[in-house]
Amino acid sequence: MALSFSIWERFLIQKLNYGEMMRKSIFALTLILFFTSAVFSQQATIRIGYVDSGVILQQLPEAQKIQKELDNLLQKYQSELDKMVKTYQSKLDEYQKKEAMLNPQAKESMQREIMELEQKIYEYRDQKLGPQGEFEQEREKRLKPLRNKIIDAIEEVAREEKLNFVFDKAGDVILLYADKQFDITFKVLDKLTRGSKSK
């Protein structure tokens, strides 16, 4: 009889431990579910969108008109440059054919004329087609209002759709719109300036 009592006693102790263990497990599981749902609910509040600026520029009539005008301007500049190169090449060919028969003064005169034509070509290319040239200035002048109009539309749609971030999927990823509450620029700047002073 003593033997059966100790088995029963062990069974009750195990049952009590099992119940306590279950309560602790349920409590731990509840805590895990609570924190998991809190994390997911925070993640759900951040909404990201994207645009394809290539499609916008291809389908927007205003952009097509500007692109056509810029293509015409570029063609005009390129045509003038081609004429200058053709003149230069014909003078160079003429010089190479006559070089053996020319006296030193005539040689020097033709060389100077060829060098001047070459210089004019470089100057024209830089003035009209260079990075700071007339074409780039005209391009920027015509595209800036359109670019601002597109950005304004993106910002408006982002607010309507309650998006926090909008990226451009055409080419490199570019941030076009961001909710200001996620801007940490000045926090990073503050950390950098404080870090450099402490060193």
N, C-alpha and C. Protein backbone atom coordinates (compact mmCIF):
# COMPACT_ATOMS: atom_id res chain seq x y z
N MET A 1 0.81 -1.18 0.00
CA MET A 1 0.00 0.00 0.00
C MET A 1 0.85 1.25 0.00
N ALA A 2 1.92 1.24 0.72
CA ALA A 2 2.81 2.39 0.76
C ALA A 2 3.38 2.66 -0.62
N LEU A 3 3.59 1.61 -1.35
CA LEU A 3 4.14 1.75 -2.69
C LEU A 3 3.14 2.45 -3.61
N SER A 4 1.87 2.07 -3.54
CA SER A 4 0.87 2.70 -4.40
C SER A 4 0.64 4.16 -4.02
N PHE A 5 0.75 4.50 -2.75
CA PHE A 5 0.60 5.89 -2.32
C PHE A 5 1.70 6.77 -2.90
N SER A 6 2.94 6.26 -2.89
CA SER A 6 4.03 7.05 -3.44
C SER A 6 3.88 7.23 -4.94
N ILE A 7 3.34 6.24 -5.65
CA ILE A 7 3.10 6.40 -7.09
C ILE A 7 2.03 7.48 -7.31
N TRP A 8 0.96 7.37 -6.50
CA TRP A 8 -0.10 8.37 -6.59
C TRP A 8 0.42 9.76 -6.25
N GLU A 9 1.25 9.84 -5.25
CA GLU A 9 1.85 11.11 -4.85
C GLU A 9 2.70 11.69 -5.99
N ARG A 10 3.50 10.83 -6.59
CA ARG A 10 4.32 11.29 -7.74
C ARG A 10 3.44 11.77 -8.89
N PHE A 11 2.38 11.05 -9.13
CA PHE A 11 1.46 11.41 -10.21
C PHE A 11 0.86 12.79 -9.96
N LEU A 12 0.42 13.05 -8.72
CA LEU A 12 -0.15 14.36 -8.36
C LEU A 12 0.89 15.47 -8.49
N ILE A 13 2.11 15.18 -8.04
CA ILE A 13 3.18 16.19 -8.12
C ILE A 13 3.49 16.51 -9.59
N GLN A 14 3.56 15.44 -10.38
CA GLN A 14 3.82 15.65 -11.81
C GLN A 14 2.68 16.43 -12.44
N LYS A 15 1.44 16.12 -12.06
CA LYS A 15 0.28 16.80 -12.62
C LYS A 15 0.33 18.28 -12.22
N LEU A 16 0.69 18.57 -10.96
CA LEU A 16 0.80 19.96 -10.52
C LEU A 16 1.91 20.67 -11.28
N ASN A 17 3.08 20.02 -11.44
CA ASN A 17 4.19 20.60 -12.21
C ASN A 17 3.79 20.81 -13.67
N TYR A 18 3.08 19.85 -14.22
CA TYR A 18 2.63 19.94 -15.61
C TYR A 18 1.68 21.12 -15.78
N GLY A 19 0.76 21.30 -14.84
CA GLY A 19 -0.19 22.42 -14.90
C GLY A 19 0.53 23.76 -14.79
N GLU A 20 1.49 23.82 -13.86
CA GLU A 20 2.26 25.05 -13.70
C GLU A 20 3.10 25.33 -14.94
N MET A 21 3.68 24.24 -15.48
CA MET A 21 4.48 24.38 -16.70
C MET A 21 3.59 24.85 -17.87
N MET A 22 2.36 24.34 -17.96
CA MET A 22 1.43 24.75 -19.00
C MET A 22 1.07 26.23 -18.86
N ARG A 23 0.81 26.64 -17.61
CA ARG A 23 0.49 28.06 -17.38
C ARG A 23 1.65 28.96 -17.80
N LYS A 24 2.87 28.57 -17.47
CA LYS A 24 4.05 29.34 -17.86
C LYS A 24 4.21 29.34 -19.38
N SER A 25 3.97 28.20 -20.00
CA SER A 25 4.08 28.12 -21.47
C SER A 25 3.04 28.99 -22.14
N ILE A 26 1.80 28.95 -21.64
CA ILE A 26 0.74 29.78 -22.22
C ILE A 26 1.07 31.26 -22.02
N PHE A 27 1.58 31.61 -20.86
CA PHE A 27 1.96 33.00 -20.59
C PHE A 27 3.07 33.44 -21.56
N ALA A 28 4.09 32.58 -21.72
CA ALA A 28 5.20 32.90 -22.63
C ALA A 28 4.70 33.01 -24.07
N LEU A 29 3.82 32.11 -24.47
CA LEU A 29 3.26 32.13 -25.82
C LEU A 29 2.44 33.41 -26.04
N THR A 30 1.68 33.81 -25.03
CA THR A 30 0.89 35.04 -25.12
C THR A 30 1.81 36.25 -25.27
N LEU A 31 2.88 36.28 -24.49
CA LEU A 31 3.84 37.38 -24.61
C LEU A 31 4.47 37.42 -26.01
N ILE A 32 4.85 36.26 -26.52
CA ILE A 32 5.46 36.20 -27.86
C ILE A 32 4.47 36.68 -28.91
N LEU A 33 3.23 36.23 -28.83
CA LEU A 33 2.20 36.67 -29.79
C LEU A 33 1.96 38.17 -29.69
N PHE A 34 1.94 38.70 -28.46
CA PHE A 34 1.73 40.13 -28.28
C PHE A 34 2.84 40.94 -28.94
N PHE A 35 4.10 40.58 -28.67
CA PHE A 35 5.23 41.31 -29.26
C PHE A 35 5.30 41.14 -30.77
N THR A 36 4.98 39.94 -31.24
CA THR A 36 4.99 39.70 -32.68
C THR A 36 3.93 40.55 -33.37
N SER A 37 2.73 40.59 -32.80
CA SER A 37 1.67 41.40 -33.41
C SER A 37 2.01 42.88 -33.34
N ALA A 38 2.67 43.31 -32.26
CA ALA A 38 3.08 44.72 -32.15
C ALA A 38 4.09 45.06 -33.23
N VAL A 39 5.04 44.16 -33.47
CA VAL A 39 6.05 44.40 -34.51
C VAL A 39 5.40 44.44 -35.89
N PHE A 40 4.51 43.48 -36.16
CA PHE A 40 3.86 43.45 -37.48
C PHE A 40 2.93 44.64 -37.67
N SER A 41 2.26 45.10 -36.61
CA SER A 41 1.38 46.26 -36.76
C SER A 41 2.20 47.52 -37.04
N GLN A 42 3.40 47.62 -36.47
CA GLN A 42 4.26 48.76 -36.78
C GLN A 42 4.76 48.69 -38.20
N GLN A 43 5.10 47.51 -38.67
CA GLN A 43 5.57 47.36 -40.03
C GLN A 43 4.47 47.64 -41.03
N ALA A 44 3.24 47.32 -40.69
CA ALA A 44 2.13 47.52 -41.60
C ALA A 44 1.85 49.00 -41.83
N THR A 45 2.30 49.88 -40.92
CA THR A 45 2.02 51.31 -41.09
C THR A 45 2.95 51.97 -42.11
N ILE A 46 4.06 51.34 -42.43
CA ILE A 46 4.96 51.89 -43.44
C ILE A 46 4.53 51.37 -44.80
N ARG A 47 4.16 52.30 -45.69
CA ARG A 47 3.69 51.90 -47.02
C ARG A 47 4.64 52.47 -48.06
N ILE A 48 5.06 51.61 -48.97
CA ILE A 48 6.02 51.99 -50.01
C ILE A 48 5.36 51.83 -51.37
N GLY A 49 5.61 52.81 -52.24
CA GLY A 49 5.13 52.74 -53.61
C GLY A 49 6.27 53.00 -54.56
N TYR A 50 6.00 52.79 -55.83
CA TYR A 50 7.02 53.09 -56.84
C TYR A 50 6.37 53.59 -58.11
N VAL A 51 7.15 54.27 -58.91
CA VAL A 51 6.72 54.72 -60.23
C VAL A 51 7.79 54.31 -61.24
N ASP A 52 7.41 54.28 -62.47
CA ASP A 52 8.35 54.04 -63.56
C ASP A 52 8.39 55.33 -64.38
N SER A 53 9.38 56.16 -64.13
CA SER A 53 9.44 57.47 -64.80
C SER A 53 9.60 57.31 -66.30
N GLY A 54 10.19 56.20 -66.75
CA GLY A 54 10.31 55.96 -68.19
C GLY A 54 8.95 55.86 -68.85
N VAL A 55 8.03 55.16 -68.22
CA VAL A 55 6.67 55.03 -68.75
C VAL A 55 5.96 56.38 -68.73
N ILE A 56 6.14 57.12 -67.64
CA ILE A 56 5.50 58.44 -67.54
C ILE A 56 5.99 59.34 -68.67
N LEU A 57 7.30 59.37 -68.89
CA LEU A 57 7.86 60.25 -69.93
C LEU A 57 7.46 59.79 -71.33
N GLN A 58 7.29 58.49 -71.54
CA GLN A 58 6.88 57.99 -72.85
C GLN A 58 5.41 58.28 -73.14
N GLN A 59 4.58 58.29 -72.12
CA GLN A 59 3.15 58.42 -72.33
C GLN A 59 2.60 59.81 -72.11
N LEU A 60 3.34 60.68 -71.51
CA LEU A 60 2.87 62.04 -71.24
C LEU A 60 3.07 62.90 -72.48
N PRO A 61 1.99 63.41 -73.08
CA PRO A 61 2.13 64.19 -74.32
C PRO A 61 3.06 65.40 -74.18
N GLU A 62 3.02 66.06 -73.06
CA GLU A 62 3.89 67.21 -72.82
C GLU A 62 5.36 66.81 -72.88
N ALA A 63 5.68 65.65 -72.31
CA ALA A 63 7.06 65.15 -72.34
C ALA A 63 7.47 64.78 -73.76
N GLN A 64 6.56 64.18 -74.52
CA GLN A 64 6.85 63.82 -75.91
C GLN A 64 7.13 65.06 -76.76
N LYS A 65 6.36 66.11 -76.52
CA LYS A 65 6.55 67.37 -77.26
C LYS A 65 7.92 67.97 -76.95
N ILE A 66 8.27 68.02 -75.67
CA ILE A 66 9.57 68.56 -75.27
C ILE A 66 10.70 67.73 -75.86
N GLN A 67 10.56 66.41 -75.83
CA GLN A 67 11.60 65.53 -76.36
C GLN A 67 11.78 65.75 -77.86
N LYS A 68 10.69 65.95 -78.57
CA LYS A 68 10.77 66.20 -80.02
C LYS A 68 11.49 67.52 -80.29
N GLU A 69 11.17 68.55 -79.52
CA GLU A 69 11.84 69.86 -79.68
C GLU A 69 13.33 69.74 -79.39
N LEU A 70 13.67 69.00 -78.34
CA LEU A 70 15.09 68.81 -78.00
C LEU A 70 15.82 68.00 -79.06
N ASP A 71 15.15 67.00 -79.60
CA ASP A 71 15.75 66.21 -80.69
C ASP A 71 16.04 67.09 -81.91
N ASN A 72 15.11 67.98 -82.23
CA ASN A 72 15.31 68.90 -83.36
C ASN A 72 16.47 69.84 -83.11
N LEU A 73 16.57 70.36 -81.89
CA LEU A 73 17.67 71.26 -81.55
C LEU A 73 19.01 70.52 -81.62
N LEU A 74 19.03 69.31 -81.08
CA LEU A 74 20.25 68.51 -81.13
C LEU A 74 20.65 68.21 -82.57
N GLN A 75 19.67 67.91 -83.40
CA GLN A 75 19.95 67.63 -84.81
C GLN A 75 20.52 68.87 -85.50
N LYS A 76 20.00 70.04 -85.16
CA LYS A 76 20.51 71.30 -85.73
C LYS A 76 21.98 71.50 -85.36
N TYR A 77 22.30 71.34 -84.07
CA TYR A 77 23.68 71.49 -83.61
C TYR A 77 24.59 70.44 -84.23
N GLN A 78 24.10 69.21 -84.31
CA GLN A 78 24.90 68.12 -84.87
C GLN A 78 25.15 68.34 -86.36
N SER A 79 24.17 68.86 -87.07
CA SER A 79 24.30 69.13 -88.51
C SER A 79 25.38 70.19 -88.75
N GLU A 80 25.35 71.24 -87.93
CA GLU A 80 26.37 72.30 -88.05
C GLU A 80 27.76 71.75 -87.73
N LEU A 81 27.84 70.93 -86.72
CA LEU A 81 29.11 70.32 -86.36
C LEU A 81 29.63 69.42 -87.48
N ASP A 82 28.73 68.65 -88.09
CA ASP A 82 29.11 67.78 -89.21
C ASP A 82 29.67 68.58 -90.37
N LYS A 83 29.07 69.75 -90.66
CA LYS A 83 29.58 70.63 -91.74
C LYS A 83 31.00 71.09 -91.43
N MET A 84 31.21 71.48 -90.17
CA MET A 84 32.53 71.95 -89.76
C MET A 84 33.57 70.84 -89.88
N VAL A 85 33.20 69.63 -89.47
CA VAL A 85 34.12 68.49 -89.56
C VAL A 85 34.41 68.17 -91.01
N LYS A 86 33.40 68.27 -91.86
CA LYS A 86 33.59 67.99 -93.29
C LYS A 86 34.56 69.01 -93.91
N THR A 87 34.40 70.28 -93.57
CA THR A 87 35.30 71.32 -94.06
C THR A 87 36.72 71.06 -93.57
N TYR A 88 36.85 70.73 -92.31
CA TYR A 88 38.15 70.41 -91.72
C TYR A 88 38.80 69.23 -92.45
N GLN A 89 38.03 68.17 -92.68
CA GLN A 89 38.56 66.97 -93.32
C GLN A 89 39.00 67.26 -94.76
N SER A 90 38.22 68.07 -95.48
CA SER A 90 38.60 68.39 -96.87
C SER A 90 39.89 69.24 -96.90
N LYS A 91 40.02 70.18 -95.95
CA LYS A 91 41.25 70.98 -95.88
C LYS A 91 42.46 70.10 -95.53
N LEU A 92 42.25 69.15 -94.61
CA LEU A 92 43.31 68.25 -94.22
C LEU A 92 43.73 67.35 -95.40
N ASP A 93 42.74 66.84 -96.12
CA ASP A 93 43.04 66.01 -97.31
C ASP A 93 43.80 66.82 -98.37
N GLU A 94 43.33 68.06 -98.57
CA GLU A 94 43.99 68.94 -99.55
C GLU A 94 45.45 69.19 -99.15
N TYR A 95 45.66 69.44 -97.86
CA TYR A 95 47.02 69.69 -97.37
C TYR A 95 47.90 68.46 -97.57
N GLN A 96 47.38 67.28 -97.23
CA GLN A 96 48.17 66.05 -97.37
C GLN A 96 48.53 65.77 -98.83
N LYS A 97 47.66 66.12 -99.77
CA LYS A 97 47.94 65.91 -101.19
C LYS A 97 49.02 66.88 -101.69
N LYS A 98 48.96 68.12 -101.22
CA LYS A 98 49.85 69.17 -101.72
C LYS A 98 51.11 69.36 -100.87
N GLU A 99 51.18 68.71 -99.73
CA GLU A 99 52.26 68.95 -98.78
C GLU A 99 53.65 68.91 -99.42
N ALA A 100 53.91 67.93 -100.25
CA ALA A 100 55.24 67.77 -100.86
C ALA A 100 55.57 68.92 -101.81
N MET A 101 54.58 69.54 -102.42
CA MET A 101 54.82 70.60 -103.41
C MET A 101 54.80 72.01 -102.80
N LEU A 102 54.38 72.14 -101.54
CA LEU A 102 54.23 73.47 -100.93
C LEU A 102 55.56 73.98 -100.39
N ASN A 103 55.75 75.31 -100.55
CA ASN A 103 56.91 75.94 -99.93
C ASN A 103 56.64 76.10 -98.43
N PRO A 104 57.63 76.34 -97.61
CA PRO A 104 57.46 76.42 -96.16
C PRO A 104 56.39 77.42 -95.71
N GLN A 105 56.29 78.56 -96.38
CA GLN A 105 55.29 79.56 -95.98
C GLN A 105 53.87 79.06 -96.25
N ALA A 106 53.66 78.45 -97.41
CA ALA A 106 52.34 77.92 -97.76
C ALA A 106 51.97 76.77 -96.82
N LYS A 107 52.97 75.92 -96.49
CA LYS A 107 52.74 74.82 -95.55
C LYS A 107 52.26 75.37 -94.20
N GLU A 108 53.01 76.35 -93.72
CA GLU A 108 52.69 76.94 -92.41
C GLU A 108 51.31 77.57 -92.43
N SER A 109 50.98 78.24 -93.52
CA SER A 109 49.68 78.89 -93.66
C SER A 109 48.54 77.86 -93.63
N MET A 110 48.70 76.76 -94.38
CA MET A 110 47.66 75.72 -94.41
C MET A 110 47.56 75.00 -93.06
N GLN A 111 48.71 74.77 -92.42
CA GLN A 111 48.68 74.11 -91.10
C GLN A 111 47.93 74.97 -90.08
N ARG A 112 48.21 76.28 -90.15
CA ARG A 112 47.53 77.21 -89.23
C ARG A 112 46.02 77.20 -89.49
N GLU A 113 45.65 77.21 -90.77
CA GLU A 113 44.24 77.20 -91.14
C GLU A 113 43.56 75.91 -90.65
N ILE A 114 44.23 74.77 -90.78
CA ILE A 114 43.69 73.49 -90.32
C ILE A 114 43.57 73.48 -88.80
N MET A 115 44.59 74.01 -88.12
CA MET A 115 44.55 74.06 -86.65
C MET A 115 43.42 74.98 -86.16
N GLU A 116 43.20 76.10 -86.88
CA GLU A 116 42.11 77.00 -86.51
C GLU A 116 40.75 76.32 -86.69
N LEU A 117 40.59 75.56 -87.79
CA LEU A 117 39.34 74.83 -88.02
C LEU A 117 39.12 73.79 -86.92
N GLU A 118 40.19 73.11 -86.56
CA GLU A 118 40.10 72.10 -85.49
C GLU A 118 39.71 72.76 -84.17
N GLN A 119 40.31 73.91 -83.89
CA GLN A 119 39.99 74.65 -82.66
C GLN A 119 38.52 75.09 -82.65
N LYS A 120 38.04 75.56 -83.81
CA LYS A 120 36.64 75.98 -83.91
C LYS A 120 35.69 74.81 -83.67
N ILE A 121 36.08 73.64 -84.16
CA ILE A 121 35.25 72.45 -83.94
C ILE A 121 35.16 72.15 -82.44
N TYR A 122 36.29 72.15 -81.75
CA TYR A 122 36.30 71.89 -80.31
C TYR A 122 35.50 72.93 -79.55
N GLU A 123 35.68 74.19 -79.92
CA GLU A 123 34.94 75.27 -79.24
C GLU A 123 33.44 75.14 -79.47
N TYR A 124 33.05 74.86 -80.73
CA TYR A 124 31.63 74.72 -81.06
C TYR A 124 31.03 73.54 -80.29
N ARG A 125 31.73 72.41 -80.30
CA ARG A 125 31.23 71.22 -79.60
C ARG A 125 31.05 71.52 -78.11
N ASP A 126 32.03 72.20 -77.53
CA ASP A 126 31.95 72.52 -76.11
C ASP A 126 30.84 73.54 -75.84
N GLN A 127 30.75 74.57 -76.69
CA GLN A 127 29.76 75.63 -76.50
C GLN A 127 28.33 75.12 -76.69
N LYS A 128 28.11 74.28 -77.69
CA LYS A 128 26.76 73.83 -78.00
C LYS A 128 26.39 72.50 -77.33
N LEU A 129 27.34 71.54 -77.31
CA LEU A 129 27.01 70.18 -76.88
C LEU A 129 27.73 69.72 -75.62
N GLY A 130 28.55 70.57 -75.05
CA GLY A 130 29.30 70.20 -73.84
C GLY A 130 28.40 70.10 -72.62
N PRO A 131 28.96 69.64 -71.51
CA PRO A 131 28.18 69.48 -70.28
C PRO A 131 27.53 70.78 -69.79
N GLN A 132 28.18 71.90 -70.06
CA GLN A 132 27.62 73.21 -69.68
C GLN A 132 27.16 73.98 -70.92
N GLY A 133 27.04 73.28 -72.04
CA GLY A 133 26.71 73.91 -73.31
C GLY A 133 25.26 74.33 -73.44
N GLU A 134 24.99 74.97 -74.57
CA GLU A 134 23.65 75.51 -74.83
C GLU A 134 22.58 74.42 -74.84
N PHE A 135 22.91 73.25 -75.40
CA PHE A 135 21.90 72.18 -75.45
C PHE A 135 21.52 71.73 -74.05
N GLU A 136 22.49 71.53 -73.19
CA GLU A 136 22.20 71.09 -71.82
C GLU A 136 21.41 72.16 -71.06
N GLN A 137 21.76 73.43 -71.29
CA GLN A 137 21.03 74.51 -70.63
C GLN A 137 19.58 74.56 -71.10
N GLU A 138 19.40 74.40 -72.41
CA GLU A 138 18.05 74.41 -72.98
C GLU A 138 17.26 73.19 -72.49
N ARG A 139 17.92 72.07 -72.44
CA ARG A 139 17.29 70.83 -71.96
C ARG A 139 16.82 71.01 -70.52
N GLU A 140 17.69 71.54 -69.67
CA GLU A 140 17.34 71.76 -68.26
C GLU A 140 16.19 72.77 -68.14
N LYS A 141 16.26 73.83 -68.94
CA LYS A 141 15.22 74.87 -68.91
C LYS A 141 13.85 74.30 -69.28
N ARG A 142 13.83 73.41 -70.27
CA ARG A 142 12.55 72.85 -70.72
C ARG A 142 12.06 71.70 -69.84
N LEU A 143 12.98 70.92 -69.30
CA LEU A 143 12.57 69.76 -68.52
C LEU A 143 12.27 70.06 -67.05
N LYS A 144 12.86 71.12 -66.52
CA LYS A 144 12.69 71.41 -65.09
C LYS A 144 11.22 71.62 -64.71
N PRO A 145 10.45 72.44 -65.46
CA PRO A 145 9.03 72.59 -65.08
C PRO A 145 8.26 71.27 -65.18
N LEU A 146 8.59 70.47 -66.18
CA LEU A 146 7.92 69.18 -66.34
C LEU A 146 8.29 68.24 -65.19
N ARG A 147 9.56 68.21 -64.84
CA ARG A 147 10.03 67.37 -63.73
C ARG A 147 9.34 67.79 -62.43
N ASN A 148 9.22 69.10 -62.19
CA ASN A 148 8.54 69.59 -60.99
C ASN A 148 7.07 69.19 -60.99
N LYS A 149 6.45 69.26 -62.16
CA LYS A 149 5.05 68.88 -62.29
C LYS A 149 4.86 67.38 -61.98
N ILE A 150 5.76 66.55 -62.46
CA ILE A 150 5.70 65.11 -62.20
C ILE A 150 5.92 64.82 -60.71
N ILE A 151 6.91 65.48 -60.12
CA ILE A 151 7.18 65.28 -58.68
C ILE A 151 5.98 65.71 -57.84
N ASP A 152 5.36 66.85 -58.21
CA ASP A 152 4.17 67.31 -57.47
C ASP A 152 3.05 66.28 -57.56
N ALA A 153 2.87 65.70 -58.75
CA ALA A 153 1.83 64.69 -58.92
C ALA A 153 2.14 63.44 -58.10
N ILE A 154 3.41 63.05 -58.06
CA ILE A 154 3.82 61.88 -57.27
C ILE A 154 3.54 62.14 -55.79
N GLU A 155 3.90 63.32 -55.31
CA GLU A 155 3.67 63.66 -53.91
C GLU A 155 2.18 63.66 -53.58
N GLU A 156 1.37 64.19 -54.50
CA GLU A 156 -0.08 64.25 -54.29
C GLU A 156 -0.66 62.83 -54.20
N VAL A 157 -0.28 61.98 -55.14
CA VAL A 157 -0.76 60.59 -55.12
C VAL A 157 -0.26 59.87 -53.87
N ALA A 158 0.97 60.12 -53.47
CA ALA A 158 1.53 59.48 -52.28
C ALA A 158 0.73 59.86 -51.04
N ARG A 159 0.33 61.11 -50.96
CA ARG A 159 -0.48 61.53 -49.80
C ARG A 159 -1.87 60.89 -49.85
N GLU A 160 -2.47 60.86 -51.05
CA GLU A 160 -3.80 60.25 -51.19
C GLU A 160 -3.78 58.77 -50.84
N GLU A 161 -2.71 58.09 -51.26
CA GLU A 161 -2.59 56.65 -51.01
C GLU A 161 -1.96 56.34 -49.65
N LYS A 162 -1.64 57.40 -48.92
CA LYS A 162 -0.99 57.27 -47.60
C LYS A 162 0.31 56.46 -47.68
N LEU A 163 1.10 56.77 -48.69
CA LEU A 163 2.40 56.12 -48.87
C LEU A 163 3.46 56.92 -48.11
N ASN A 164 4.39 56.21 -47.51
CA ASN A 164 5.47 56.87 -46.80
C ASN A 164 6.66 57.14 -47.70
N PHE A 165 6.93 56.22 -48.64
CA PHE A 165 8.07 56.35 -49.53
C PHE A 165 7.65 56.00 -50.96
N VAL A 166 8.22 56.71 -51.93
CA VAL A 166 7.98 56.40 -53.34
C VAL A 166 9.33 56.36 -54.04
N PHE A 167 9.59 55.25 -54.71
CA PHE A 167 10.84 55.06 -55.45
C PHE A 167 10.57 55.03 -56.95
N ASP A 168 11.59 55.36 -57.73
CA ASP A 168 11.52 55.29 -59.19
C ASP A 168 12.19 54.00 -59.62
N LYS A 169 11.46 53.13 -60.31
CA LYS A 169 12.04 51.84 -60.69
C LYS A 169 12.81 51.91 -62.00
N ALA A 170 12.73 53.02 -62.71
CA ALA A 170 13.50 53.17 -63.95
C ALA A 170 14.94 53.52 -63.59
N GLY A 171 15.88 52.71 -64.03
CA GLY A 171 17.29 52.99 -63.75
C GLY A 171 17.61 52.73 -62.29
N ASP A 172 18.48 53.55 -61.74
CA ASP A 172 18.87 53.42 -60.34
C ASP A 172 17.69 53.77 -59.44
N VAL A 173 17.67 53.18 -58.27
CA VAL A 173 16.59 53.46 -57.34
C VAL A 173 16.78 54.87 -56.79
N ILE A 174 15.76 55.69 -56.98
CA ILE A 174 15.82 57.08 -56.56
C ILE A 174 14.62 57.34 -55.65
N LEU A 175 14.85 57.94 -54.51
CA LEU A 175 13.76 58.28 -53.61
C LEU A 175 13.12 59.56 -54.11
N LEU A 176 11.84 59.48 -54.48
CA LEU A 176 11.13 60.64 -55.02
C LEU A 176 10.28 61.34 -53.97
N TYR A 177 9.84 60.59 -53.00
CA TYR A 177 9.00 61.17 -51.96
C TYR A 177 9.25 60.40 -50.67
N ALA A 178 9.30 61.11 -49.58
CA ALA A 178 9.44 60.45 -48.27
C ALA A 178 8.67 61.24 -47.24
N ASP A 179 7.97 60.53 -46.39
CA ASP A 179 7.28 61.15 -45.28
C ASP A 179 8.35 61.72 -44.35
N LYS A 180 8.22 62.98 -43.98
CA LYS A 180 9.25 63.67 -43.21
C LYS A 180 9.55 63.00 -41.86
N GLN A 181 8.60 62.27 -41.31
CA GLN A 181 8.84 61.66 -40.00
C GLN A 181 9.91 60.57 -40.07
N PHE A 182 10.23 60.09 -41.28
CA PHE A 182 11.26 59.06 -41.42
C PHE A 182 12.62 59.63 -41.84
N ASP A 183 12.71 60.95 -41.91
CA ASP A 183 13.97 61.59 -42.29
C ASP A 183 14.88 61.66 -41.06
N ILE A 184 15.99 60.98 -41.15
CA ILE A 184 16.93 60.98 -40.01
C ILE A 184 18.22 61.73 -40.36
N THR A 185 18.18 62.54 -41.39
CA THR A 185 19.35 63.26 -41.86
C THR A 185 20.03 64.05 -40.75
N PHE A 186 19.23 64.84 -40.04
CA PHE A 186 19.83 65.71 -39.03
C PHE A 186 20.29 64.93 -37.80
N LYS A 187 19.64 63.80 -37.52
CA LYS A 187 20.12 62.95 -36.42
C LYS A 187 21.49 62.37 -36.77
N VAL A 188 21.62 61.93 -38.03
CA VAL A 188 22.91 61.39 -38.49
C VAL A 188 23.96 62.49 -38.48
N LEU A 189 23.60 63.67 -38.97
CA LEU A 189 24.53 64.81 -38.99
C LEU A 189 24.96 65.17 -37.57
N ASP A 190 24.00 65.17 -36.65
CA ASP A 190 24.31 65.47 -35.25
C ASP A 190 25.29 64.43 -34.69
N LYS A 191 25.03 63.16 -34.97
CA LYS A 191 25.90 62.09 -34.49
C LYS A 191 27.30 62.23 -35.08
N LEU A 192 27.37 62.57 -36.36
CA LEU A 192 28.67 62.73 -37.01
C LEU A 192 29.45 63.90 -36.44
N THR A 193 28.78 65.03 -36.21
CA THR A 193 29.48 66.20 -35.69
C THR A 193 29.90 65.98 -34.23
N ARG A 194 29.04 65.33 -33.46
CA ARG A 194 29.42 65.04 -32.07
C ARG A 194 30.56 64.05 -32.02
N GLY A 195 30.52 63.05 -32.92
CA GLY A 195 31.57 62.03 -32.96
C GLY A 195 32.91 62.61 -33.33
N SER A 196 32.92 63.58 -34.25
CA SER A 196 34.20 64.18 -34.68
C SER A 196 34.77 65.09 -33.61
N LYS A 197 33.90 65.71 -32.78
CA LYS A 197 34.40 66.59 -31.70
C LYS A 197 34.98 65.78 -30.56
N SER A 198 34.41 64.58 -30.32
CA SER A 198 34.89 63.79 -29.18
C SER A 198 36.21 63.10 -29.45
N LYS A 199 36.60 62.99 -30.72
CA LYS A 199 37.86 62.30 -31.06
C LYS A 199 39.06 63.19 -30.86
